[in-house]
Amino acid sequence: MSISVKEASGITTDRSTPDYLDQLEAEAIYIMREVAGQFERPALLFSGGKDSITLVHLAQKAFAPGKIPFPLVHVDTGHNFIEAIEYRDELAEKIGAKLVVRYVEDTIKAKGLKEQTGKNASRNWLQTFTLLDTIEEFEFDACIGGARRDEEKARAKERIFSFRDEFGQWDPKRQRPELWNLFNGRIQKGENVRVFPISNWTELDVWAYLKREGIALPSIYFAHERELILRDGKLLNNTPVIAPDPEDQIVRRQVRFRTVGDMTCTAAVESHAATLDEVIAEIAISRISERGETRIDDQQTEAAMEDRKKGGYF
């Protein structure tokens, strides 16, 4: 008789209990092991951000004392924060993980893709082409990622095992039921699954877990003074990769970043939170999701994220 992960580990994910982080951790580890058991060529998509850092830590626990049995894969737009890139390289070397990096710049040249121009131009949407090419190159059949259901409303439509067709496209109507937390990883050649082990976590859960586990993070997540571009009320990193606009202002502010995506579409938030405890306290009273507050590309249309996901975006 089959039993669910909740029955197997006592998971209730009740945040009123002191051990709820143990419950979330147990669920994520169970999912990681399911991926290793059901798929031949999985990969963990890693950006150097807090969610993917959490995934790497969970994977280490899932497969200890051995090494993580799949590579870390990063699609680099060329416009990433240097703090995240340095952390990515240092962590991969420290834990002895294979690191696969593929560059959007190379995809643009190889496929003759046209980049966006003008205000708020970004390579972020072009990551899809590089990701799909990387999946095809290595024949990955499962890609583990750090998406959470509280990030953005399109994320909430995902299953934990989120099916993609042979073109890498996502159709919410074709998602499989996950009754009793039983995950169906059966796919045909060319198809793949995106797996989200921390789907049931919130941003606050991630930070609480990082604190409990004593996990170091890139300094960009904590308050520091930085020169920024003030554009339409958003604070963007002052970098040559952002096209100047006549209405932009150059300012210096005390800020931190809630998420560390492509610099061209990732805004900072004004903050004096310089420690984990201060960040946790700040997030606890926030009423805006991290993507809702800081990701400019998600705000271009109401269905921006869902449209990109349908085209193969992570």
C-alpha atoms as a PDB file:
ATOM      1  CA  MET A   1       0.000   0.000   0.000  1.00  0.00           C
ATOM      2  CA  SER A   2       1.344   3.440  -0.908  1.00  0.00           C
ATOM      3  CA  ILE A   3       1.586   6.140   1.715  1.00  0.00           C
ATOM      4  CA  SER A   4       1.973   9.866   1.216  1.00  0.00           C
ATOM      5  CA  VAL A   5       4.922  12.001   2.225  1.00  0.00           C
ATOM      6  CA  LYS A   6       2.773  13.496   4.986  1.00  0.00           C
ATOM      7  CA  GLU A   7       2.015  10.047   6.395  1.00  0.00           C
ATOM      8  CA  ALA A   8       5.624   8.985   6.009  1.00  0.00           C
ATOM      9  CA  SER A   9       7.130  11.985   7.777  1.00  0.00           C
ATOM     10  CA  GLY A  10       4.277  13.426   9.825  1.00  0.00           C
ATOM     11  CA  ILE A  11       4.152  16.581   7.718  1.00  0.00           C
ATOM     12  CA  THR A  12       1.378  19.025   8.534  1.00  0.00           C
ATOM     13  CA  THR A  13       3.143  22.248   7.523  1.00  0.00           C
ATOM     14  CA  ASP A  14       1.401  24.002  10.421  1.00  0.00           C
ATOM     15  CA  ARG A  15       3.299  27.255  10.931  1.00  0.00           C
ATOM     16  CA  SER A  16       1.935  27.530  14.465  1.00  0.00           C
ATOM     17  CA  THR A  17       4.084  24.575  15.519  1.00  0.00           C
ATOM     18  CA  PRO A  18       7.751  25.074  16.438  1.00  0.00           C
ATOM     19  CA  ASP A  19       8.939  22.318  14.106  1.00  0.00           C
ATOM     20  CA  TYR A  20       7.229  23.482  10.918  1.00  0.00           C
ATOM     21  CA  LEU A  21      10.616  24.096   9.265  1.00  0.00           C
ATOM     22  CA  ASP A  22      11.437  20.439   9.921  1.00  0.00           C
ATOM     23  CA  GLN A  23       8.197  19.522   8.161  1.00  0.00           C
ATOM     24  CA  LEU A  24       8.965  21.698   5.143  1.00  0.00           C
ATOM     25  CA  GLU A  25      12.512  20.356   5.017  1.00  0.00           C
ATOM     26  CA  ALA A  26      11.320  16.735   5.154  1.00  0.00           C
ATOM     27  CA  GLU A  27       8.888  17.323   2.300  1.00  0.00           C
ATOM     28  CA  ALA A  28      11.558  18.970   0.130  1.00  0.00           C
ATOM     29  CA  ILE A  29      14.054  16.177   0.811  1.00  0.00           C
ATOM     30  CA  TYR A  30      11.408  13.583  -0.063  1.00  0.00           C
ATOM     31  CA  ILE A  31      10.803  15.383  -3.379  1.00  0.00           C
ATOM     32  CA  MET A  32      14.541  15.569  -4.127  1.00  0.00           C
ATOM     33  CA  ARG A  33      14.855  11.833  -3.618  1.00  0.00           C
ATOM     34  CA  GLU A  34      11.804  11.210  -5.797  1.00  0.00           C
ATOM     35  CA  VAL A  35      13.521  13.144  -8.588  1.00  0.00           C
ATOM     36  CA  ALA A  36      16.685  11.064  -8.232  1.00  0.00           C
ATOM     37  CA  GLY A  37      14.621   7.885  -8.226  1.00  0.00           C
ATOM     38  CA  GLN A  38      12.273   8.674 -11.118  1.00  0.00           C
ATOM     39  CA  PHE A  39      14.488  10.508 -13.625  1.00  0.00           C
ATOM     40  CA  GLU A  40      17.658   9.613 -15.480  1.00  0.00           C
ATOM     41  CA  ARG A  41      19.196  13.060 -16.066  1.00  0.00           C
ATOM     42  CA  PRO A  42      17.983  15.633 -13.542  1.00  0.00           C
ATOM     43  CA  ALA A  43      19.589  19.021 -12.958  1.00  0.00           C
ATOM     44  CA  LEU A  44      19.251  21.737 -10.340  1.00  0.00           C
ATOM     45  CA  LEU A  45      18.796  25.224 -11.762  1.00  0.00           C
ATOM     46  CA  PHE A  46      21.035  27.499  -9.717  1.00  0.00           C
ATOM     47  CA  SER A  47      21.377  31.283  -9.853  1.00  0.00           C
ATOM     48  CA  GLY A  48      23.190  32.156  -6.642  1.00  0.00           C
ATOM     49  CA  GLY A  49      19.919  33.462  -5.209  1.00  0.00           C
ATOM     50  CA  LYS A  50      18.493  32.581  -1.793  1.00  0.00           C
ATOM     51  CA  ASP A  51      15.924  30.051  -3.079  1.00  0.00           C
ATOM     52  CA  SER A  52      18.404  28.077  -5.162  1.00  0.00           C
ATOM     53  CA  ILE A  53      20.936  28.280  -2.310  1.00  0.00           C
ATOM     54  CA  THR A  54      18.272  26.707  -0.096  1.00  0.00           C
ATOM     55  CA  LEU A  55      17.736  23.970  -2.699  1.00  0.00           C
ATOM     56  CA  VAL A  56      21.434  23.126  -2.789  1.00  0.00           C
ATOM     57  CA  HIS A  57      21.493  22.834   1.007  1.00  0.00           C
ATOM     58  CA  LEU A  58      18.417  20.576   0.915  1.00  0.00           C
ATOM     59  CA  ALA A  59      20.010  18.439  -1.798  1.00  0.00           C
ATOM     60  CA  GLN A  60      23.140  18.047   0.299  1.00  0.00           C
ATOM     61  CA  LYS A  61      21.007  16.792   3.186  1.00  0.00           C
ATOM     62  CA  ALA A  62      18.969  14.528   0.905  1.00  0.00           C
ATOM     63  CA  PHE A  63      21.998  12.676  -0.454  1.00  0.00           C
ATOM     64  CA  ALA A  64      24.523  12.883   2.390  1.00  0.00           C
ATOM     65  CA  PRO A  65      27.114  11.572   2.861  1.00  0.00           C
ATOM     66  CA  GLY A  66      27.449  11.428  -0.924  1.00  0.00           C
ATOM     67  CA  LYS A  67      27.682  14.388  -3.280  1.00  0.00           C
ATOM     68  CA  ILE A  68      24.655  15.875  -5.010  1.00  0.00           C
ATOM     69  CA  PRO A  69      23.918  13.409  -7.848  1.00  0.00           C
ATOM     70  CA  PHE A  70      23.073  16.035 -10.471  1.00  0.00           C
ATOM     71  CA  PRO A  71      24.732  19.167 -11.853  1.00  0.00           C
ATOM     72  CA  LEU A  72      23.997  22.771 -10.966  1.00  0.00           C
ATOM     73  CA  VAL A  73      22.875  24.646 -14.086  1.00  0.00           C
ATOM     74  CA  HIS A  74      22.840  28.412 -14.525  1.00  0.00           C
ATOM     75  CA  VAL A  75      21.515  30.364 -17.496  1.00  0.00           C
ATOM     76  CA  ASP A  76      23.565  33.574 -17.364  1.00  0.00           C
ATOM     77  CA  THR A  77      22.060  36.627 -19.079  1.00  0.00           C
ATOM     78  CA  GLY A  78      25.361  38.491 -18.828  1.00  0.00           C
ATOM     79  CA  HIS A  79      23.518  41.077 -16.732  1.00  0.00           C
ATOM     80  CA  ASN A  80      23.582  39.237 -13.422  1.00  0.00           C
ATOM     81  CA  PHE A  81      24.739  40.743 -10.140  1.00  0.00           C
ATOM     82  CA  ILE A  82      28.435  40.047  -9.637  1.00  0.00           C
ATOM     83  CA  GLU A  83      27.804  39.110  -5.974  1.00  0.00           C
ATOM     84  CA  ALA A  84      25.508  36.263  -7.071  1.00  0.00           C
ATOM     85  CA  ILE A  85      27.923  35.033  -9.748  1.00  0.00           C
ATOM     86  CA  GLU A  86      30.858  34.964  -7.324  1.00  0.00           C
ATOM     87  CA  TYR A  87      28.765  33.109  -4.753  1.00  0.00           C
ATOM     88  CA  ARG A  88      27.657  30.602  -7.413  1.00  0.00           C
ATOM     89  CA  ASP A  89      31.220  29.749  -8.390  1.00  0.00           C
ATOM     90  CA  GLU A  90      32.507  29.574  -4.812  1.00  0.00           C
ATOM     91  CA  LEU A  91      29.672  27.309  -3.648  1.00  0.00           C
ATOM     92  CA  ALA A  92      30.005  24.890  -6.567  1.00  0.00           C
ATOM     93  CA  GLU A  93      33.723  24.550  -5.899  1.00  0.00           C
ATOM     94  CA  LYS A  94      33.231  24.201  -2.141  1.00  0.00           C
ATOM     95  CA  ILE A  95      30.736  21.327  -2.347  1.00  0.00           C
ATOM     96  CA  GLY A  96      32.366  19.645  -5.347  1.00  0.00           C
ATOM     97  CA  ALA A  97      29.306  19.976  -7.585  1.00  0.00           C
ATOM     98  CA  LYS A  98      29.444  20.005 -11.344  1.00  0.00           C
ATOM     99  CA  LEU A  99      28.509  23.488 -12.567  1.00  0.00           C
ATOM    100  CA  VAL A 100      27.083  23.992 -16.060  1.00  0.00           C
ATOM    101  CA  VAL A 101      26.824  27.608 -17.228  1.00  0.00           C
ATOM    102  CA  ARG A 102      25.277  28.618 -20.518  1.00  0.00           C
ATOM    103  CA  TYR A 103      25.123  32.199 -21.749  1.00  0.00           C
ATOM    104  CA  VAL A 104      22.246  34.118 -23.284  1.00  0.00           C
ATOM    105  CA  GLU A 105      24.845  36.133 -25.227  1.00  0.00           C
ATOM    106  CA  ASP A 106      25.907  32.958 -27.058  1.00  0.00           C
ATOM    107  CA  THR A 107      22.280  32.097 -27.862  1.00  0.00           C
ATOM    108  CA  ILE A 108      21.669  35.587 -29.260  1.00  0.00           C
ATOM    109  CA  LYS A 109      24.627  35.195 -31.622  1.00  0.00           C
ATOM    110  CA  ALA A 110      23.872  31.596 -32.598  1.00  0.00           C
ATOM    111  CA  LYS A 111      20.183  32.137 -33.288  1.00  0.00           C
ATOM    112  CA  GLY A 112      20.313  35.741 -34.460  1.00  0.00           C
ATOM    113  CA  LEU A 113      17.878  36.781 -31.749  1.00  0.00           C
ATOM    114  CA  LYS A 114      16.831  40.391 -31.448  1.00  0.00           C
ATOM    115  CA  GLU A 115      17.276  42.029 -28.083  1.00  0.00           C
ATOM    116  CA  GLN A 116      14.788  44.457 -26.630  1.00  0.00           C
ATOM    117  CA  THR A 117      15.649  48.130 -26.942  1.00  0.00           C
ATOM    118  CA  GLY A 118      14.582  51.288 -25.185  1.00  0.00           C
ATOM    119  CA  LYS A 119      13.375  51.863 -21.657  1.00  0.00           C
ATOM    120  CA  ASN A 120      13.266  48.731 -19.474  1.00  0.00           C
ATOM    121  CA  ALA A 121      14.877  46.620 -22.204  1.00  0.00           C
ATOM    122  CA  SER A 122      15.958  43.279 -20.762  1.00  0.00           C
ATOM    123  CA  ARG A 123      17.436  39.954 -21.804  1.00  0.00           C
ATOM    124  CA  ASN A 124      15.352  38.204 -19.189  1.00  0.00           C
ATOM    125  CA  TRP A 125      12.793  36.873 -21.673  1.00  0.00           C
ATOM    126  CA  LEU A 126      15.604  35.483 -23.876  1.00  0.00           C
ATOM    127  CA  GLN A 127      16.635  33.080 -21.101  1.00  0.00           C
ATOM    128  CA  THR A 128      13.941  30.721 -22.364  1.00  0.00           C
ATOM    129  CA  PHE A 129      15.861  29.993 -25.567  1.00  0.00           C
ATOM    130  CA  THR A 130      19.087  29.291 -23.706  1.00  0.00           C
ATOM    131  CA  LEU A 131      17.347  27.116 -21.115  1.00  0.00           C
ATOM    132  CA  LEU A 132      15.581  24.991 -23.738  1.00  0.00           C
ATOM    133  CA  ASP A 133      18.834  24.598 -25.694  1.00  0.00           C
ATOM    134  CA  THR A 134      20.628  23.538 -22.499  1.00  0.00           C
ATOM    135  CA  ILE A 135      17.932  20.980 -21.679  1.00  0.00           C
ATOM    136  CA  GLU A 136      18.265  19.562 -25.207  1.00  0.00           C
ATOM    137  CA  GLU A 137      22.089  19.615 -25.110  1.00  0.00           C
ATOM    138  CA  PHE A 138      22.304  17.559 -21.927  1.00  0.00           C
ATOM    139  CA  GLU A 139      18.999  15.702 -22.378  1.00  0.00           C
ATOM    140  CA  PHE A 140      17.815  16.775 -18.940  1.00  0.00           C
ATOM    141  CA  ASP A 141      14.489  15.148 -18.127  1.00  0.00           C
ATOM    142  CA  ALA A 142      13.883  17.016 -14.862  1.00  0.00           C
ATOM    143  CA  CYS A 143      14.954  20.510 -13.817  1.00  0.00           C
ATOM    144  CA  ILE A 144      14.719  21.352 -10.122  1.00  0.00           C
ATOM    145  CA  GLY A 145      13.989  24.979  -9.309  1.00  0.00           C
ATOM    146  CA  GLY A 146      13.278  27.238  -6.386  1.00  0.00           C
ATOM    147  CA  ALA A 147       9.919  28.686  -7.409  1.00  0.00           C
ATOM    148  CA  ARG A 148       7.453  29.242  -4.585  1.00  0.00           C
ATOM    149  CA  ARG A 149       3.703  29.648  -4.845  1.00  0.00           C
ATOM    150  CA  ASP A 150       3.717  32.967  -2.982  1.00  0.00           C
ATOM    151  CA  GLU A 151       5.995  34.659  -5.518  1.00  0.00           C
ATOM    152  CA  GLU A 152       3.522  35.401  -8.295  1.00  0.00           C
ATOM    153  CA  LYS A 153       0.020  34.197  -9.159  1.00  0.00           C
ATOM    154  CA  ALA A 154       1.121  32.168 -12.213  1.00  0.00           C
ATOM    155  CA  ARG A 155       3.474  30.215  -9.938  1.00  0.00           C
ATOM    156  CA  ALA A 156       0.474  29.098  -7.886  1.00  0.00           C
ATOM    157  CA  LYS A 157      -0.855  27.129 -10.884  1.00  0.00           C
ATOM    158  CA  GLU A 158       2.220  24.902 -10.947  1.00  0.00           C
ATOM    159  CA  ARG A 159       2.310  21.387  -9.580  1.00  0.00           C
ATOM    160  CA  ILE A 160       5.383  20.222  -7.683  1.00  0.00           C
ATOM    161  CA  PHE A 161       6.140  18.008 -10.707  1.00  0.00           C
ATOM    162  CA  SER A 162       5.234  20.458 -13.476  1.00  0.00           C
ATOM    163  CA  PHE A 163       5.003  18.787 -16.873  1.00  0.00           C
ATOM    164  CA  ARG A 164       6.528  20.364 -20.021  1.00  0.00           C
ATOM    165  CA  ASP A 165       5.895  19.059 -23.531  1.00  0.00           C
ATOM    166  CA  GLU A 166       8.507  18.240 -26.176  1.00  0.00           C
ATOM    167  CA  PHE A 167       8.743  21.951 -27.041  1.00  0.00           C
ATOM    168  CA  GLY A 168       9.364  22.905 -23.419  1.00  0.00           C
ATOM    169  CA  GLN A 169       5.973  24.556 -23.170  1.00  0.00           C
ATOM    170  CA  TRP A 170       3.771  24.672 -20.094  1.00  0.00           C
ATOM    171  CA  ASP A 171       0.017  24.175 -20.281  1.00  0.00           C
ATOM    172  CA  PRO A 172      -1.804  24.575 -16.939  1.00  0.00           C
ATOM    173  CA  LYS A 173      -4.633  22.391 -18.261  1.00  0.00           C
ATOM    174  CA  ARG A 174      -2.254  19.452 -18.726  1.00  0.00           C
ATOM    175  CA  GLN A 175      -0.870  19.452 -15.183  1.00  0.00           C
ATOM    176  CA  ARG A 176      -1.205  16.158 -13.366  1.00  0.00           C
ATOM    177  CA  PRO A 177      -3.060  15.661 -10.078  1.00  0.00           C
ATOM    178  CA  GLU A 178      -0.870  15.129  -7.043  1.00  0.00           C
ATOM    179  CA  LEU A 179      -3.316  13.485  -4.697  1.00  0.00           C
ATOM    180  CA  TRP A 180      -1.747  12.306  -1.438  1.00  0.00           C
ATOM    181  CA  ASN A 181       1.529  13.880  -2.605  1.00  0.00           C
ATOM    182  CA  LEU A 182       2.193  11.115  -5.106  1.00  0.00           C
ATOM    183  CA  PHE A 183       4.252  12.510  -7.977  1.00  0.00           C
ATOM    184  CA  ASN A 184       3.936  11.221 -11.532  1.00  0.00           C
ATOM    185  CA  GLY A 185       7.235  11.558 -13.373  1.00  0.00           C
ATOM    186  CA  ARG A 186       6.342   9.481 -16.421  1.00  0.00           C
ATOM    187  CA  ILE A 187       7.324  11.295 -19.597  1.00  0.00           C
ATOM    188  CA  GLN A 188       8.069  10.527 -23.234  1.00  0.00           C
ATOM    189  CA  LYS A 189      11.457  11.192 -24.848  1.00  0.00           C
ATOM    190  CA  GLY A 190      11.892  14.911 -25.402  1.00  0.00           C
ATOM    191  CA  GLU A 191       9.457  15.881 -22.667  1.00  0.00           C
ATOM    192  CA  ASN A 192      10.650  17.071 -19.281  1.00  0.00           C
ATOM    193  CA  VAL A 193       9.424  18.035 -15.842  1.00  0.00           C
ATOM    194  CA  ARG A 194      10.182  21.126 -13.800  1.00  0.00           C
ATOM    195  CA  VAL A 195      10.269  20.238 -10.122  1.00  0.00           C
ATOM    196  CA  PHE A 196       9.606  22.691  -7.279  1.00  0.00           C
ATOM    197  CA  PRO A 197      10.551  21.172  -3.902  1.00  0.00           C
ATOM    198  CA  ILE A 198       9.868  24.397  -1.975  1.00  0.00           C
ATOM    199  CA  SER A 199       6.468  25.097  -3.510  1.00  0.00           C
ATOM    200  CA  ASN A 200       4.873  25.076  -0.068  1.00  0.00           C
ATOM    201  CA  TRP A 201       7.395  27.493   1.418  1.00  0.00           C
ATOM    202  CA  THR A 202       6.992  31.255   1.686  1.00  0.00           C
ATOM    203  CA  GLU A 203       9.692  33.895   1.406  1.00  0.00           C
ATOM    204  CA  LEU A 204       9.600  34.180   5.185  1.00  0.00           C
ATOM    205  CA  ASP A 205      10.014  30.404   5.533  1.00  0.00           C
ATOM    206  CA  VAL A 206      13.124  30.522   3.349  1.00  0.00           C
ATOM    207  CA  TRP A 207      14.699  33.236   5.457  1.00  0.00           C
ATOM    208  CA  ALA A 208      13.811  31.470   8.705  1.00  0.00           C
ATOM    209  CA  TYR A 209      15.376  28.265   7.342  1.00  0.00           C
ATOM    210  CA  LEU A 210      18.528  30.056   6.188  1.00  0.00           C
ATOM    211  CA  LYS A 211      18.905  31.488   9.690  1.00  0.00           C
ATOM    212  CA  ARG A 212      18.293  28.151  11.399  1.00  0.00           C
ATOM    213  CA  GLU A 213      20.780  26.324   9.175  1.00  0.00           C
ATOM    214  CA  GLY A 214      23.429  29.034   9.400  1.00  0.00           C
ATOM    215  CA  ILE A 215      23.694  29.379   5.610  1.00  0.00           C
ATOM    216  CA  ALA A 216      25.791  32.256   4.255  1.00  0.00           C
ATOM    217  CA  LEU A 217      24.295  34.463   1.538  1.00  0.00           C
ATOM    218  CA  PRO A 218      25.556  37.006  -1.002  1.00  0.00           C
ATOM    219  CA  SER A 219      25.979  40.414   0.644  1.00  0.00           C
ATOM    220  CA  ILE A 220      23.532  41.966  -1.808  1.00  0.00           C
ATOM    221  CA  TYR A 221      20.638  40.596   0.275  1.00  0.00           C
ATOM    222  CA  PHE A 222      21.563  42.853   3.193  1.00  0.00           C
ATOM    223  CA  ALA A 223      21.375  46.628   3.543  1.00  0.00           C
ATOM    224  CA  HIS A 224      24.231  48.593   2.007  1.00  0.00           C
ATOM    225  CA  GLU A 225      24.691  51.953   0.321  1.00  0.00           C
ATOM    226  CA  ARG A 226      24.609  51.841  -3.449  1.00  0.00           C
ATOM    227  CA  GLU A 227      24.409  54.206  -6.408  1.00  0.00           C
ATOM    228  CA  LEU A 228      21.123  53.606  -8.173  1.00  0.00           C
ATOM    229  CA  ILE A 229      18.913  54.716 -11.014  1.00  0.00           C
ATOM    230  CA  LEU A 230      15.550  56.021  -9.812  1.00  0.00           C
ATOM    231  CA  ARG A 231      13.067  55.165 -12.568  1.00  0.00           C
ATOM    232  CA  ASP A 232       9.293  55.298 -12.217  1.00  0.00           C
ATOM    233  CA  GLY A 233       9.604  54.883  -8.480  1.00  0.00           C
ATOM    234  CA  LYS A 234      11.908  51.839  -8.791  1.00  0.00           C
ATOM    235  CA  LEU A 235      15.549  51.722  -7.697  1.00  0.00           C
ATOM    236  CA  LEU A 236      17.746  49.957 -10.265  1.00  0.00           C
ATOM    237  CA  ASN A 237      21.449  49.215 -10.060  1.00  0.00           C
ATOM    238  CA  ASN A 238      23.413  51.943 -11.836  1.00  0.00           C
ATOM    239  CA  THR A 239      25.114  49.905 -14.540  1.00  0.00           C
ATOM    240  CA  PRO A 240      25.957  50.462 -18.227  1.00  0.00           C
ATOM    241  CA  VAL A 241      23.668  47.573 -19.231  1.00  0.00           C
ATOM    242  CA  ILE A 242      20.607  49.682 -18.345  1.00  0.00           C
ATOM    243  CA  ALA A 243      19.716  52.109 -21.115  1.00  0.00           C
ATOM    244  CA  PRO A 244      19.500  55.679 -19.729  1.00  0.00           C
ATOM    245  CA  ASP A 245      16.223  57.558 -19.905  1.00  0.00           C
ATOM    246  CA  PRO A 246      15.890  61.377 -19.753  1.00  0.00           C
ATOM    247  CA  GLU A 247      13.626  61.111 -16.722  1.00  0.00           C
ATOM    248  CA  ASP A 248      16.001  58.889 -14.748  1.00  0.00           C
ATOM    249  CA  GLN A 249      17.716  60.205 -11.646  1.00  0.00           C
ATOM    250  CA  ILE A 250      20.988  58.987 -10.157  1.00  0.00           C
ATOM    251  CA  VAL A 251      20.707  58.633  -6.381  1.00  0.00           C
ATOM    252  CA  ARG A 252      22.528  57.011  -3.474  1.00  0.00           C
ATOM    253  CA  ARG A 253      20.354  55.048  -1.092  1.00  0.00           C
ATOM    254  CA  GLN A 254      20.614  52.456   1.661  1.00  0.00           C
ATOM    255  CA  VAL A 255      19.068  49.385   0.033  1.00  0.00           C
ATOM    256  CA  ARG A 256      18.999  45.636  -0.196  1.00  0.00           C
ATOM    257  CA  PHE A 257      17.704  43.254  -2.872  1.00  0.00           C
ATOM    258  CA  ARG A 258      14.880  40.810  -2.124  1.00  0.00           C
ATOM    259  CA  THR A 259      15.684  38.849  -5.274  1.00  0.00           C
ATOM    260  CA  VAL A 260      18.822  38.775  -7.442  1.00  0.00           C
ATOM    261  CA  GLY A 261      17.707  38.243 -11.023  1.00  0.00           C
ATOM    262  CA  ASP A 262      18.797  40.140 -14.120  1.00  0.00           C
ATOM    263  CA  MET A 263      19.964  43.643 -13.109  1.00  0.00           C
ATOM    264  CA  THR A 264      17.945  45.289 -15.875  1.00  0.00           C
ATOM    265  CA  CYS A 265      14.606  44.247 -14.379  1.00  0.00           C
ATOM    266  CA  THR A 266      15.365  43.722 -10.678  1.00  0.00           C
ATOM    267  CA  ALA A 267      14.803  46.663  -8.349  1.00  0.00           C
ATOM    268  CA  ALA A 268      16.203  47.232  -4.878  1.00  0.00           C
ATOM    269  CA  VAL A 269      14.159  48.140  -1.813  1.00  0.00           C
ATOM    270  CA  GLU A 270      15.134  50.821   0.655  1.00  0.00           C
ATOM    271  CA  SER A 271      16.154  49.075   3.843  1.00  0.00           C
ATOM    272  CA  HIS A 272      18.348  49.203   6.937  1.00  0.00           C
ATOM    273  CA  ALA A 273      18.090  45.430   7.510  1.00  0.00           C
ATOM    274  CA  ALA A 274      21.712  44.356   7.792  1.00  0.00           C
ATOM    275  CA  THR A 275      21.250  41.044   9.636  1.00  0.00           C
ATOM    276  CA  LEU A 276      19.141  37.933   9.170  1.00  0.00           C
ATOM    277  CA  ASP A 277      16.956  38.873  12.112  1.00  0.00           C
ATOM    278  CA  GLU A 278      16.358  42.343  10.699  1.00  0.00           C
ATOM    279  CA  VAL A 279      15.520  40.965   7.248  1.00  0.00           C
ATOM    280  CA  ILE A 280      13.073  38.467   8.756  1.00  0.00           C
ATOM    281  CA  ALA A 281      11.392  41.223  10.786  1.00  0.00           C
ATOM    282  CA  GLU A 282      11.118  43.389   7.665  1.00  0.00           C
ATOM    283  CA  ILE A 283       9.586  40.633   5.540  1.00  0.00           C
ATOM    284  CA  ALA A 284       7.165  39.665   8.309  1.00  0.00           C
ATOM    285  CA  ILE A 285       5.370  43.012   7.987  1.00  0.00           C
ATOM    286  CA  SER A 286       5.603  43.317   4.197  1.00  0.00           C
ATOM    287  CA  ARG A 287       2.323  43.085   2.308  1.00  0.00           C
ATOM    288  CA  ILE A 288       3.859  42.938  -1.181  1.00  0.00           C
ATOM    289  CA  SER A 289       5.491  39.841  -2.665  1.00  0.00           C
ATOM    290  CA  GLU A 290       9.141  40.090  -3.620  1.00  0.00           C
ATOM    291  CA  ARG A 291       8.393  39.842  -7.341  1.00  0.00           C
ATOM    292  CA  GLY A 292       5.489  42.251  -7.038  1.00  0.00           C
ATOM    293  CA  GLU A 293       7.767  44.810  -5.438  1.00  0.00           C
ATOM    294  CA  THR A 294      11.006  44.316  -7.330  1.00  0.00           C
ATOM    295  CA  ARG A 295      10.574  42.535 -10.689  1.00  0.00           C
ATOM    296  CA  ILE A 296       9.808  45.068 -13.411  1.00  0.00           C
ATOM    297  CA  ASP A 297       9.320  42.459 -16.163  1.00  0.00           C
ATOM    298  CA  ASP A 298       6.459  40.847 -14.220  1.00  0.00           C
ATOM    299  CA  GLN A 299       4.620  44.163 -14.188  1.00  0.00           C
ATOM    300  CA  GLN A 300       4.614  44.801 -17.940  1.00  0.00           C
ATOM    301  CA  THR A 301       1.307  42.953 -18.379  1.00  0.00           C
ATOM    302  CA  GLU A 302      -1.033  41.243 -15.932  1.00  0.00           C
ATOM    303  CA  ALA A 303      -0.164  37.821 -17.372  1.00  0.00           C
ATOM    304  CA  ALA A 304       3.528  38.477 -18.087  1.00  0.00           C
ATOM    305  CA  MET A 305       4.865  35.547 -16.078  1.00  0.00           C
ATOM    306  CA  GLU A 306       2.232  33.093 -17.283  1.00  0.00           C
ATOM    307  CA  ASP A 307       2.882  34.019 -20.925  1.00  0.00           C
ATOM    308  CA  ARG A 308       6.626  33.425 -20.490  1.00  0.00           C
ATOM    309  CA  LYS A 309       6.029  30.109 -18.749  1.00  0.00           C
ATOM    310  CA  LYS A 310       3.814  28.891 -21.564  1.00  0.00           C
ATOM    311  CA  GLY A 311       6.687  29.592 -23.930  1.00  0.00           C
ATOM    312  CA  GLY A 312       9.145  27.510 -21.906  1.00  0.00           C
ATOM    313  CA  TYR A 313      10.392  29.952 -19.264  1.00  0.00           C
ATOM    314  CA  PHE A 314      11.264  28.369 -15.953  1.00  0.00           C
END
